[in-house]
Amino acid sequence: MKLRSHVLALLCLTIASLPAFAGTIVGTVVRKDTKRPETGIRVQLTDSQKDTRTDRQGRFEFLEVPAGPHPLLVNIDGFEPWNQNIEVPFSDTVRVQVEMTPLPAPGILTGRVTSGGGAKRVPHAHVQLQTLAFDIQADDDGAYWMYGIRPGTYRVKAVALGYDPVYTTARLESGRSTIASVDLGAPLSLSARGSASPAAAADTLPVDSIPEIRFTVPTDTVPPDPTDLARKRLVKVEILDGNKRVLCTLVDQELFPGNYLAHWNGTRAGAPRLGAGSYPYRIQIERRPPIEGDIVLP
């Protein structure tokens, strides 16, 4: 009885190890467009960590693969990944034709960031592709290049200190260079003349002699990143009297980071023009310490 049990166990073990309970995968890897065999390509059975490589005819083989479904993966640079479940039969061979689809050749996006209708080149502007994690900085001449961009239509954003962000659209074709230059328009500037209209201000004081306050709305990061450049800050510029009381407010609005000018011709709401002299001013940018100085009214 004991001998019979040993014989039965040995027989079961032998049957379990026979190739009849496994199959074979035989296949070829070719390019889909030309049907040319791909040599030396790694082919993987991802559920068993088995892999092999194609020969000179693009052929590969997996022996004694357990019957049932198995995920087969072929991944080549420049091609779409090929990944399919292959049903391996009992004691038989399954043949697979792996056709690899080439990816479109990447393109190059290049251009220049300018202002004033192309009259001035803007150095070190940030250029972004909105749908990709692409963010580069233009060079000293405002030029930029992006390599390895897949064909498609992209929204391009340019951000520079002292300008409003500007968007444009670029369409890249396979293996080609596309030029997408961006003009930021006029620099951000602010001309505040109290409550007087521009005509009244010009009548009261010659434009070329109107005093100005120069100030900068700073960024929070150095060097500034695009997110920081695109966020406005609340700015208030006030003219004061000798007792630090507010005579008039020149600026009370949100501004992008950049350099600004605030002009004042000595007028204020509901009051005649102030006389010549030196007047203190105060600039408050968000919660930063206030900036104080004097403006001279001729």
C-alpha atoms as a PDB file:
ATOM      1  CA  MET A   1       0.000   0.000   0.000  1.00  0.00           C
ATOM      2  CA  LYS A   2       2.817   2.346   0.907  1.00  0.00           C
ATOM      3  CA  LEU A   3       4.626   1.497  -2.329  1.00  0.00           C
ATOM      4  CA  ARG A   4       1.487   2.225  -4.312  1.00  0.00           C
ATOM      5  CA  SER A   5       1.220   5.692  -2.708  1.00  0.00           C
ATOM      6  CA  HIS A   6       4.813   6.524  -3.635  1.00  0.00           C
ATOM      7  CA  VAL A   7       4.258   5.381  -7.212  1.00  0.00           C
ATOM      8  CA  LEU A   8       1.069   7.447  -7.485  1.00  0.00           C
ATOM      9  CA  ALA A   9       2.788  10.573  -6.133  1.00  0.00           C
ATOM     10  CA  LEU A  10       5.694  10.111  -8.544  1.00  0.00           C
ATOM     11  CA  LEU A  11       3.281   9.660 -11.429  1.00  0.00           C
ATOM     12  CA  CYS A  12       1.405  12.866 -10.534  1.00  0.00           C
ATOM     13  CA  LEU A  13       4.657  14.805 -10.302  1.00  0.00           C
ATOM     14  CA  THR A  14       5.777  13.491 -13.676  1.00  0.00           C
ATOM     15  CA  ILE A  15       2.484  14.389 -15.322  1.00  0.00           C
ATOM     16  CA  ALA A  16       2.542  17.898 -13.827  1.00  0.00           C
ATOM     17  CA  SER A  17       5.997  18.510 -15.276  1.00  0.00           C
ATOM     18  CA  LEU A  18       5.177  17.301 -18.777  1.00  0.00           C
ATOM     19  CA  PRO A  19       5.164  19.916 -21.555  1.00  0.00           C
ATOM     20  CA  ALA A  20       1.543  18.881 -22.268  1.00  0.00           C
ATOM     21  CA  PHE A  21       0.505  21.272 -19.507  1.00  0.00           C
ATOM     22  CA  ALA A  22       2.435  24.181 -21.072  1.00  0.00           C
ATOM     23  CA  GLY A  23       2.672  25.846 -24.414  1.00  0.00           C
ATOM     24  CA  THR A  24       4.999  27.905 -26.581  1.00  0.00           C
ATOM     25  CA  ILE A  25       4.863  31.494 -27.794  1.00  0.00           C
ATOM     26  CA  VAL A  26       6.547  32.151 -31.120  1.00  0.00           C
ATOM     27  CA  GLY A  27       6.462  35.579 -32.701  1.00  0.00           C
ATOM     28  CA  THR A  28       8.002  38.244 -34.885  1.00  0.00           C
ATOM     29  CA  VAL A  29       8.492  41.955 -34.225  1.00  0.00           C
ATOM     30  CA  VAL A  30       8.196  44.203 -37.296  1.00  0.00           C
ATOM     31  CA  ARG A  31       7.550  47.846 -38.116  1.00  0.00           C
ATOM     32  CA  LYS A  32       3.900  48.379 -38.965  1.00  0.00           C
ATOM     33  CA  ASP A  33       4.581  50.746 -41.857  1.00  0.00           C
ATOM     34  CA  THR A  34       7.368  48.847 -43.640  1.00  0.00           C
ATOM     35  CA  LYS A  35       7.028  45.303 -42.182  1.00  0.00           C
ATOM     36  CA  ARG A  36      10.777  45.383 -41.630  1.00  0.00           C
ATOM     37  CA  PRO A  37      11.936  43.033 -38.839  1.00  0.00           C
ATOM     38  CA  GLU A  38      13.239  44.702 -35.677  1.00  0.00           C
ATOM     39  CA  THR A  39      16.462  43.090 -34.429  1.00  0.00           C
ATOM     40  CA  GLY A  40      17.614  42.832 -30.814  1.00  0.00           C
ATOM     41  CA  ILE A  41      14.317  44.034 -29.373  1.00  0.00           C
ATOM     42  CA  ARG A  42      13.419  43.050 -25.824  1.00  0.00           C
ATOM     43  CA  VAL A  43      10.146  41.096 -25.508  1.00  0.00           C
ATOM     44  CA  GLN A  44       8.681  40.539 -22.043  1.00  0.00           C
ATOM     45  CA  LEU A  45       6.142  38.301 -20.343  1.00  0.00           C
ATOM     46  CA  THR A  46       5.348  40.758 -17.606  1.00  0.00           C
ATOM     47  CA  ASP A  47       3.513  38.365 -15.289  1.00  0.00           C
ATOM     48  CA  SER A  48       6.470  35.985 -15.017  1.00  0.00           C
ATOM     49  CA  GLN A  49       9.380  38.432 -15.458  1.00  0.00           C
ATOM     50  CA  LYS A  50      10.589  36.369 -18.406  1.00  0.00           C
ATOM     51  CA  ASP A  51      12.144  38.168 -21.331  1.00  0.00           C
ATOM     52  CA  THR A  52      14.016  37.458 -24.531  1.00  0.00           C
ATOM     53  CA  ARG A  53      15.330  39.372 -27.544  1.00  0.00           C
ATOM     54  CA  THR A  54      14.545  39.136 -31.223  1.00  0.00           C
ATOM     55  CA  ASP A  55      17.048  37.615 -33.652  1.00  0.00           C
ATOM     56  CA  ARG A  56      18.132  39.015 -37.011  1.00  0.00           C
ATOM     57  CA  GLN A  57      14.769  38.114 -38.533  1.00  0.00           C
ATOM     58  CA  GLY A  58      12.912  39.786 -35.706  1.00  0.00           C
ATOM     59  CA  ARG A  59      11.818  36.426 -34.261  1.00  0.00           C
ATOM     60  CA  PHE A  60      11.446  35.496 -30.592  1.00  0.00           C
ATOM     61  CA  GLU A  61      10.308  32.419 -28.634  1.00  0.00           C
ATOM     62  CA  PHE A  62       9.132  31.519 -25.132  1.00  0.00           C
ATOM     63  CA  LEU A  63       9.136  27.800 -24.254  1.00  0.00           C
ATOM     64  CA  GLU A  64       7.135  25.935 -21.597  1.00  0.00           C
ATOM     65  CA  VAL A  65       4.828  28.798 -20.830  1.00  0.00           C
ATOM     66  CA  PRO A  66       1.962  27.736 -18.509  1.00  0.00           C
ATOM     67  CA  ALA A  67      -1.317  27.461 -20.378  1.00  0.00           C
ATOM     68  CA  GLY A  68      -3.581  30.467 -20.036  1.00  0.00           C
ATOM     69  CA  PRO A  69      -3.447  34.208 -20.683  1.00  0.00           C
ATOM     70  CA  HIS A  70      -0.139  36.062 -20.389  1.00  0.00           C
ATOM     71  CA  PRO A  71       0.575  39.791 -20.972  1.00  0.00           C
ATOM     72  CA  LEU A  72       3.212  40.295 -23.652  1.00  0.00           C
ATOM     73  CA  LEU A  73       4.996  43.654 -23.779  1.00  0.00           C
ATOM     74  CA  VAL A  74       7.255  45.195 -26.415  1.00  0.00           C
ATOM     75  CA  ASN A  75       8.496  48.701 -25.743  1.00  0.00           C
ATOM     76  CA  ILE A  76      10.887  50.436 -28.150  1.00  0.00           C
ATOM     77  CA  ASP A  77      12.017  54.041 -28.123  1.00  0.00           C
ATOM     78  CA  GLY A  78      10.303  55.948 -30.912  1.00  0.00           C
ATOM     79  CA  PHE A  79       7.362  53.522 -31.130  1.00  0.00           C
ATOM     80  CA  GLU A  80       4.026  53.175 -29.424  1.00  0.00           C
ATOM     81  CA  PRO A  81       4.222  50.460 -26.720  1.00  0.00           C
ATOM     82  CA  TRP A  82       2.704  47.125 -27.739  1.00  0.00           C
ATOM     83  CA  ASN A  83       0.968  45.278 -24.898  1.00  0.00           C
ATOM     84  CA  GLN A  84      -1.509  42.428 -25.368  1.00  0.00           C
ATOM     85  CA  ASN A  85      -2.731  39.368 -23.516  1.00  0.00           C
ATOM     86  CA  ILE A  86      -1.697  36.193 -25.324  1.00  0.00           C
ATOM     87  CA  GLU A  87      -3.714  33.014 -24.730  1.00  0.00           C
ATOM     88  CA  VAL A  88      -1.282  30.102 -24.507  1.00  0.00           C
ATOM     89  CA  PRO A  89      -2.950  26.734 -25.360  1.00  0.00           C
ATOM     90  CA  PHE A  90      -2.302  23.362 -23.716  1.00  0.00           C
ATOM     91  CA  SER A  91       0.579  21.587 -25.387  1.00  0.00           C
ATOM     92  CA  ASP A  92       0.524  23.792 -28.456  1.00  0.00           C
ATOM     93  CA  THR A  93       2.170  26.828 -29.996  1.00  0.00           C
ATOM     94  CA  VAL A  94       0.646  30.274 -30.391  1.00  0.00           C
ATOM     95  CA  ARG A  95       2.078  32.545 -33.068  1.00  0.00           C
ATOM     96  CA  VAL A  96       2.169  36.308 -32.607  1.00  0.00           C
ATOM     97  CA  GLN A  97       2.863  39.091 -35.093  1.00  0.00           C
ATOM     98  CA  VAL A  98       3.928  42.205 -33.192  1.00  0.00           C
ATOM     99  CA  GLU A  99       3.558  45.288 -35.394  1.00  0.00           C
ATOM    100  CA  MET A 100       5.182  48.377 -33.879  1.00  0.00           C
ATOM    101  CA  THR A 101       3.715  51.751 -34.809  1.00  0.00           C
ATOM    102  CA  PRO A 102       6.345  54.513 -35.095  1.00  0.00           C
ATOM    103  CA  LEU A 103       5.629  57.631 -33.073  1.00  0.00           C
ATOM    104  CA  PRO A 104       5.502  60.895 -35.024  1.00  0.00           C
ATOM    105  CA  ALA A 105       8.912  62.509 -35.143  1.00  0.00           C
ATOM    106  CA  PRO A 106       9.160  65.243 -32.493  1.00  0.00           C
ATOM    107  CA  GLY A 107       9.360  68.830 -33.585  1.00  0.00           C
ATOM    108  CA  ILE A 108      11.080  71.991 -32.399  1.00  0.00           C
ATOM    109  CA  LEU A 109       9.281  75.057 -31.125  1.00  0.00           C
ATOM    110  CA  THR A 110      11.257  78.256 -31.338  1.00  0.00           C
ATOM    111  CA  GLY A 111      10.601  81.962 -31.371  1.00  0.00           C
ATOM    112  CA  ARG A 112      11.413  85.292 -29.818  1.00  0.00           C
ATOM    113  CA  VAL A 113       9.729  87.309 -27.084  1.00  0.00           C
ATOM    114  CA  THR A 114       9.414  90.985 -27.982  1.00  0.00           C
ATOM    115  CA  SER A 115       7.487  94.068 -26.963  1.00  0.00           C
ATOM    116  CA  GLY A 116       6.202  97.189 -28.664  1.00  0.00           C
ATOM    117  CA  GLY A 117       5.149  95.397 -31.823  1.00  0.00           C
ATOM    118  CA  GLY A 118       8.514  93.689 -32.212  1.00  0.00           C
ATOM    119  CA  ALA A 119      10.552  96.838 -31.685  1.00  0.00           C
ATOM    120  CA  LYS A 120      12.202  95.613 -28.485  1.00  0.00           C
ATOM    121  CA  ARG A 121      13.430  92.171 -27.527  1.00  0.00           C
ATOM    122  CA  VAL A 122      12.526  91.001 -24.032  1.00  0.00           C
ATOM    123  CA  PRO A 123      15.284  88.957 -22.342  1.00  0.00           C
ATOM    124  CA  HIS A 124      14.731  86.161 -19.824  1.00  0.00           C
ATOM    125  CA  ALA A 125      10.974  85.869 -20.339  1.00  0.00           C
ATOM    126  CA  HIS A 126       9.400  82.586 -19.269  1.00  0.00           C
ATOM    127  CA  VAL A 127       7.759  80.606 -22.082  1.00  0.00           C
ATOM    128  CA  GLN A 128       5.371  77.781 -21.241  1.00  0.00           C
ATOM    129  CA  LEU A 129       3.406  75.127 -23.096  1.00  0.00           C
ATOM    130  CA  GLN A 130       0.120  75.092 -21.242  1.00  0.00           C
ATOM    131  CA  THR A 131      -0.682  71.413 -21.893  1.00  0.00           C
ATOM    132  CA  LEU A 132       2.797  70.093 -21.074  1.00  0.00           C
ATOM    133  CA  ALA A 133       5.193  70.518 -18.198  1.00  0.00           C
ATOM    134  CA  PHE A 134       7.427  72.670 -20.380  1.00  0.00           C
ATOM    135  CA  ASP A 135       8.764  75.915 -18.944  1.00  0.00           C
ATOM    136  CA  ILE A 136      11.926  77.506 -20.303  1.00  0.00           C
ATOM    137  CA  GLN A 137      13.524  80.919 -20.109  1.00  0.00           C
ATOM    138  CA  ALA A 138      14.381  83.010 -23.138  1.00  0.00           C
ATOM    139  CA  ASP A 139      17.991  84.067 -23.609  1.00  0.00           C
ATOM    140  CA  ASP A 140      19.492  87.564 -23.438  1.00  0.00           C
ATOM    141  CA  ASP A 141      18.113  88.293 -26.909  1.00  0.00           C
ATOM    142  CA  GLY A 142      14.588  87.098 -26.124  1.00  0.00           C
ATOM    143  CA  ALA A 143      14.994  83.880 -28.142  1.00  0.00           C
ATOM    144  CA  TYR A 144      13.868  80.449 -26.938  1.00  0.00           C
ATOM    145  CA  TRP A 145      13.938  76.853 -28.176  1.00  0.00           C
ATOM    146  CA  MET A 146      11.977  73.775 -27.107  1.00  0.00           C
ATOM    147  CA  TYR A 147      13.164  70.412 -28.433  1.00  0.00           C
ATOM    148  CA  GLY A 148      11.459  67.033 -28.606  1.00  0.00           C
ATOM    149  CA  ILE A 149       7.886  68.326 -28.713  1.00  0.00           C
ATOM    150  CA  ARG A 150       5.308  65.896 -30.068  1.00  0.00           C
ATOM    151  CA  PRO A 151       3.247  67.119 -33.019  1.00  0.00           C
ATOM    152  CA  GLY A 152       0.029  68.842 -32.056  1.00  0.00           C
ATOM    153  CA  THR A 153      -1.522  72.190 -31.290  1.00  0.00           C
ATOM    154  CA  TYR A 154      -0.337  73.962 -28.168  1.00  0.00           C
ATOM    155  CA  ARG A 155      -1.178  77.099 -26.256  1.00  0.00           C
ATOM    156  CA  VAL A 156       2.006  79.092 -25.637  1.00  0.00           C
ATOM    157  CA  LYS A 157       2.229  81.525 -22.736  1.00  0.00           C
ATOM    158  CA  ALA A 158       4.922  84.184 -22.298  1.00  0.00           C
ATOM    159  CA  VAL A 159       5.487  85.896 -18.948  1.00  0.00           C
ATOM    160  CA  ALA A 160       8.010  88.661 -18.282  1.00  0.00           C
ATOM    161  CA  LEU A 161       8.616  91.119 -15.489  1.00  0.00           C
ATOM    162  CA  GLY A 162       6.780  94.362 -16.179  1.00  0.00           C
ATOM    163  CA  TYR A 163       4.324  92.971 -18.772  1.00  0.00           C
ATOM    164  CA  ASP A 164       0.940  91.319 -18.796  1.00  0.00           C
ATOM    165  CA  PRO A 165       1.082  87.591 -19.675  1.00  0.00           C
ATOM    166  CA  VAL A 166       0.391  86.954 -23.376  1.00  0.00           C
ATOM    167  CA  TYR A 167      -0.889  83.780 -25.052  1.00  0.00           C
ATOM    168  CA  THR A 168      -0.535  82.500 -28.574  1.00  0.00           C
ATOM    169  CA  THR A 169      -1.184  79.214 -30.391  1.00  0.00           C
ATOM    170  CA  ALA A 170       1.415  77.050 -32.114  1.00  0.00           C
ATOM    171  CA  ARG A 171       0.873  74.006 -34.322  1.00  0.00           C
ATOM    172  CA  LEU A 172       3.787  71.574 -34.528  1.00  0.00           C
ATOM    173  CA  GLU A 173       4.165  69.113 -37.381  1.00  0.00           C
ATOM    174  CA  SER A 174       6.151  65.914 -37.306  1.00  0.00           C
ATOM    175  CA  GLY A 175       9.899  66.472 -37.630  1.00  0.00           C
ATOM    176  CA  ARG A 176       9.564  70.191 -38.360  1.00  0.00           C
ATOM    177  CA  SER A 177      10.485  73.417 -36.608  1.00  0.00           C
ATOM    178  CA  THR A 178       7.684  75.818 -35.785  1.00  0.00           C
ATOM    179  CA  ILE A 179       8.213  79.496 -35.046  1.00  0.00           C
ATOM    180  CA  ALA A 180       5.951  80.965 -32.377  1.00  0.00           C
ATOM    181  CA  SER A 181       7.122  84.452 -31.523  1.00  0.00           C
ATOM    182  CA  VAL A 182       5.246  86.360 -28.834  1.00  0.00           C
ATOM    183  CA  ASP A 183       4.876  90.125 -28.561  1.00  0.00           C
ATOM    184  CA  LEU A 184       4.059  91.351 -25.057  1.00  0.00           C
ATOM    185  CA  GLY A 185       2.844  94.739 -26.204  1.00  0.00           C
ATOM    186  CA  ALA A 186       3.601  97.854 -24.169  1.00  0.00           C
ATOM    187  CA  PRO A 187       5.224  97.570 -20.731  1.00  0.00           C
ATOM    188  CA  LEU A 188       2.910  97.944 -17.787  1.00  0.00           C
ATOM    189  CA  SER A 189       2.736 101.588 -16.761  1.00  0.00           C
ATOM    190  CA  LEU A 190       0.446 103.698 -14.675  1.00  0.00           C
ATOM    191  CA  SER A 191      -0.240 107.383 -15.227  1.00  0.00           C
ATOM    192  CA  ALA A 192      -2.149 108.763 -12.260  1.00  0.00           C
ATOM    193  CA  ARG A 193      -2.937 112.463 -12.037  1.00  0.00           C
ATOM    194  CA  GLY A 194      -5.217 112.619  -9.029  1.00  0.00           C
ATOM    195  CA  SER A 195      -8.842 113.101  -9.981  1.00  0.00           C
ATOM    196  CA  ALA A 196      -8.221 115.566 -12.826  1.00  0.00           C
ATOM    197  CA  SER A 197      -8.893 114.533 -16.375  1.00  0.00           C
ATOM    198  CA  PRO A 198      -5.906 114.268 -18.732  1.00  0.00           C
ATOM    199  CA  ALA A 199      -6.971 117.447 -20.534  1.00  0.00           C
ATOM    200  CA  ALA A 200      -7.303 119.427 -17.310  1.00  0.00           C
ATOM    201  CA  ALA A 201      -3.966 118.113 -16.121  1.00  0.00           C
ATOM    202  CA  ALA A 202      -2.288 119.189 -19.329  1.00  0.00           C
ATOM    203  CA  ASP A 203      -3.803 122.655 -19.000  1.00  0.00           C
ATOM    204  CA  THR A 204      -2.644 122.948 -15.400  1.00  0.00           C
ATOM    205  CA  LEU A 205       0.923 121.732 -15.830  1.00  0.00           C
ATOM    206  CA  PRO A 206       3.031 120.944 -18.908  1.00  0.00           C
ATOM    207  CA  VAL A 207       3.147 117.199 -19.438  1.00  0.00           C
ATOM    208  CA  ASP A 208       6.938 117.093 -19.625  1.00  0.00           C
ATOM    209  CA  SER A 209       7.204 118.710 -16.181  1.00  0.00           C
ATOM    210  CA  ILE A 210       4.644 116.545 -14.330  1.00  0.00           C
ATOM    211  CA  PRO A 211       6.428 114.963 -11.340  1.00  0.00           C
ATOM    212  CA  GLU A 212       6.513 111.208 -11.204  1.00  0.00           C
ATOM    213  CA  ILE A 213       6.951 108.502  -8.606  1.00  0.00           C
ATOM    214  CA  ARG A 214       8.849 105.451  -9.801  1.00  0.00           C
ATOM    215  CA  PHE A 215       8.191 102.195  -7.990  1.00  0.00           C
ATOM    216  CA  THR A 216       8.587  98.472  -8.471  1.00  0.00           C
ATOM    217  CA  VAL A 217       6.100  95.771  -7.607  1.00  0.00           C
ATOM    218  CA  PRO A 218       8.444  92.941  -6.565  1.00  0.00           C
ATOM    219  CA  THR A 219       8.118  89.194  -6.869  1.00  0.00           C
ATOM    220  CA  ASP A 220       8.209  86.766  -3.968  1.00  0.00           C
ATOM    221  CA  THR A 221      10.813  84.465  -5.529  1.00  0.00           C
ATOM    222  CA  VAL A 222      14.317  85.131  -6.843  1.00  0.00           C
ATOM    223  CA  PRO A 223      14.680  84.443  -9.685  1.00  0.00           C
ATOM    224  CA  PRO A 224      10.943  84.899 -10.298  1.00  0.00           C
ATOM    225  CA  ASP A 225       8.990  81.872 -11.457  1.00  0.00           C
ATOM    226  CA  PRO A 226       6.061  82.111 -13.916  1.00  0.00           C
ATOM    227  CA  THR A 227       3.415  81.579 -11.233  1.00  0.00           C
ATOM    228  CA  ASP A 228       4.856  84.411  -9.176  1.00  0.00           C
ATOM    229  CA  LEU A 229       5.023  86.724 -12.194  1.00  0.00           C
ATOM    230  CA  ALA A 230       1.384  86.037 -13.060  1.00  0.00           C
ATOM    231  CA  ARG A 231       0.015  86.968  -9.622  1.00  0.00           C
ATOM    232  CA  LYS A 232      -1.161  90.531  -9.037  1.00  0.00           C
ATOM    233  CA  ARG A 233      -0.394  92.482  -5.861  1.00  0.00           C
ATOM    234  CA  LEU A 234      -2.562  95.115  -4.220  1.00  0.00           C
ATOM    235  CA  VAL A 235      -0.737  98.461  -4.471  1.00  0.00           C
ATOM    236  CA  LYS A 236      -1.627 101.828  -2.954  1.00  0.00           C
ATOM    237  CA  VAL A 237       0.298 105.061  -3.639  1.00  0.00           C
ATOM    238  CA  GLU A 238      -0.733 108.083  -1.584  1.00  0.00           C
ATOM    239  CA  ILE A 239       0.362 111.737  -1.402  1.00  0.00           C
ATOM    240  CA  LEU A 240       0.600 112.981   2.195  1.00  0.00           C
ATOM    241  CA  ASP A 241       0.788 116.313   3.940  1.00  0.00           C
ATOM    242  CA  GLY A 242       3.317 117.322   6.570  1.00  0.00           C
ATOM    243  CA  ASN A 243       1.321 115.507   9.269  1.00  0.00           C
ATOM    244  CA  LYS A 244       1.213 112.244   7.269  1.00  0.00           C
ATOM    245  CA  ARG A 245      -2.452 112.706   6.419  1.00  0.00           C
ATOM    246  CA  VAL A 246      -3.602 111.562   2.986  1.00  0.00           C
ATOM    247  CA  LEU A 247      -4.037 114.374   0.475  1.00  0.00           C
ATOM    248  CA  CYS A 248      -4.884 112.145  -2.459  1.00  0.00           C
ATOM    249  CA  THR A 249      -4.531 108.573  -3.623  1.00  0.00           C
ATOM    250  CA  LEU A 250      -2.753 108.067  -6.928  1.00  0.00           C
ATOM    251  CA  VAL A 251      -2.929 104.277  -7.112  1.00  0.00           C
ATOM    252  CA  ASP A 252      -5.267 101.810  -5.418  1.00  0.00           C
ATOM    253  CA  GLN A 253      -5.424  98.655  -7.502  1.00  0.00           C
ATOM    254  CA  GLU A 254      -3.901  95.231  -8.155  1.00  0.00           C
ATOM    255  CA  LEU A 255      -0.797  95.227 -10.364  1.00  0.00           C
ATOM    256  CA  PHE A 256       1.455  92.579 -11.837  1.00  0.00           C
ATOM    257  CA  PRO A 257       5.127  92.559 -10.779  1.00  0.00           C
ATOM    258  CA  GLY A 258       7.086  95.149 -12.726  1.00  0.00           C
ATOM    259  CA  ASN A 259       8.312  98.718 -12.874  1.00  0.00           C
ATOM    260  CA  TYR A 260       5.769 101.532 -12.792  1.00  0.00           C
ATOM    261  CA  LEU A 261       5.429 105.320 -13.009  1.00  0.00           C
ATOM    262  CA  ALA A 262       2.772 107.274 -11.139  1.00  0.00           C
ATOM    263  CA  HIS A 263       2.415 110.899 -12.239  1.00  0.00           C
ATOM    264  CA  TRP A 264       0.937 113.653 -10.089  1.00  0.00           C
ATOM    265  CA  ASN A 265       0.158 117.167 -11.276  1.00  0.00           C
ATOM    266  CA  GLY A 266      -0.792 118.558  -7.885  1.00  0.00           C
ATOM    267  CA  THR A 267      -4.560 118.200  -8.215  1.00  0.00           C
ATOM    268  CA  ARG A 268      -6.855 116.387  -5.817  1.00  0.00           C
ATOM    269  CA  ALA A 269     -10.559 115.663  -5.678  1.00  0.00           C
ATOM    270  CA  GLY A 270     -12.723 118.703  -5.035  1.00  0.00           C
ATOM    271  CA  ALA A 271      -9.805 121.021  -4.310  1.00  0.00           C
ATOM    272  CA  PRO A 272      -7.612 123.446  -6.224  1.00  0.00           C
ATOM    273  CA  ARG A 273      -4.140 122.501  -7.317  1.00  0.00           C
ATOM    274  CA  LEU A 274      -1.636 122.465  -4.495  1.00  0.00           C
ATOM    275  CA  GLY A 275       1.201 124.940  -4.506  1.00  0.00           C
ATOM    276  CA  ALA A 276       4.781 124.220  -5.421  1.00  0.00           C
ATOM    277  CA  GLY A 277       6.823 122.381  -2.857  1.00  0.00           C
ATOM    278  CA  SER A 278       7.886 118.996  -1.586  1.00  0.00           C
ATOM    279  CA  TYR A 279       5.225 116.496  -0.574  1.00  0.00           C
ATOM    280  CA  PRO A 280       5.759 113.146   1.101  1.00  0.00           C
ATOM    281  CA  TYR A 281       4.331 110.018  -0.449  1.00  0.00           C
ATOM    282  CA  ARG A 282       3.765 106.465   0.746  1.00  0.00           C
ATOM    283  CA  ILE A 283       3.702 103.238  -1.285  1.00  0.00           C
ATOM    284  CA  GLN A 284       2.064 100.175   0.259  1.00  0.00           C
ATOM    285  CA  ILE A 285       2.440  96.847  -1.567  1.00  0.00           C
ATOM    286  CA  GLU A 286       0.376  94.151   0.092  1.00  0.00           C
ATOM    287  CA  ARG A 287       1.770  93.530   3.598  1.00  0.00           C
ATOM    288  CA  ARG A 288       5.291  94.640   2.853  1.00  0.00           C
ATOM    289  CA  PRO A 289       6.781  97.524   4.833  1.00  0.00           C
ATOM    290  CA  PRO A 290       5.664 100.839   3.311  1.00  0.00           C
ATOM    291  CA  ILE A 291       8.039 102.766   1.058  1.00  0.00           C
ATOM    292  CA  GLU A 292       8.193 106.502   1.725  1.00  0.00           C
ATOM    293  CA  GLY A 293       9.753 109.376  -0.153  1.00  0.00           C
ATOM    294  CA  ASP A 294       9.143 112.920  -1.367  1.00  0.00           C
ATOM    295  CA  ILE A 295       7.802 114.272  -4.623  1.00  0.00           C
ATOM    296  CA  VAL A 296       8.575 117.839  -5.683  1.00  0.00           C
ATOM    297  CA  LEU A 297       5.780 119.826  -7.297  1.00  0.00           C
ATOM    298  CA  PRO A 298       7.130 122.656  -9.469  1.00  0.00           C
END
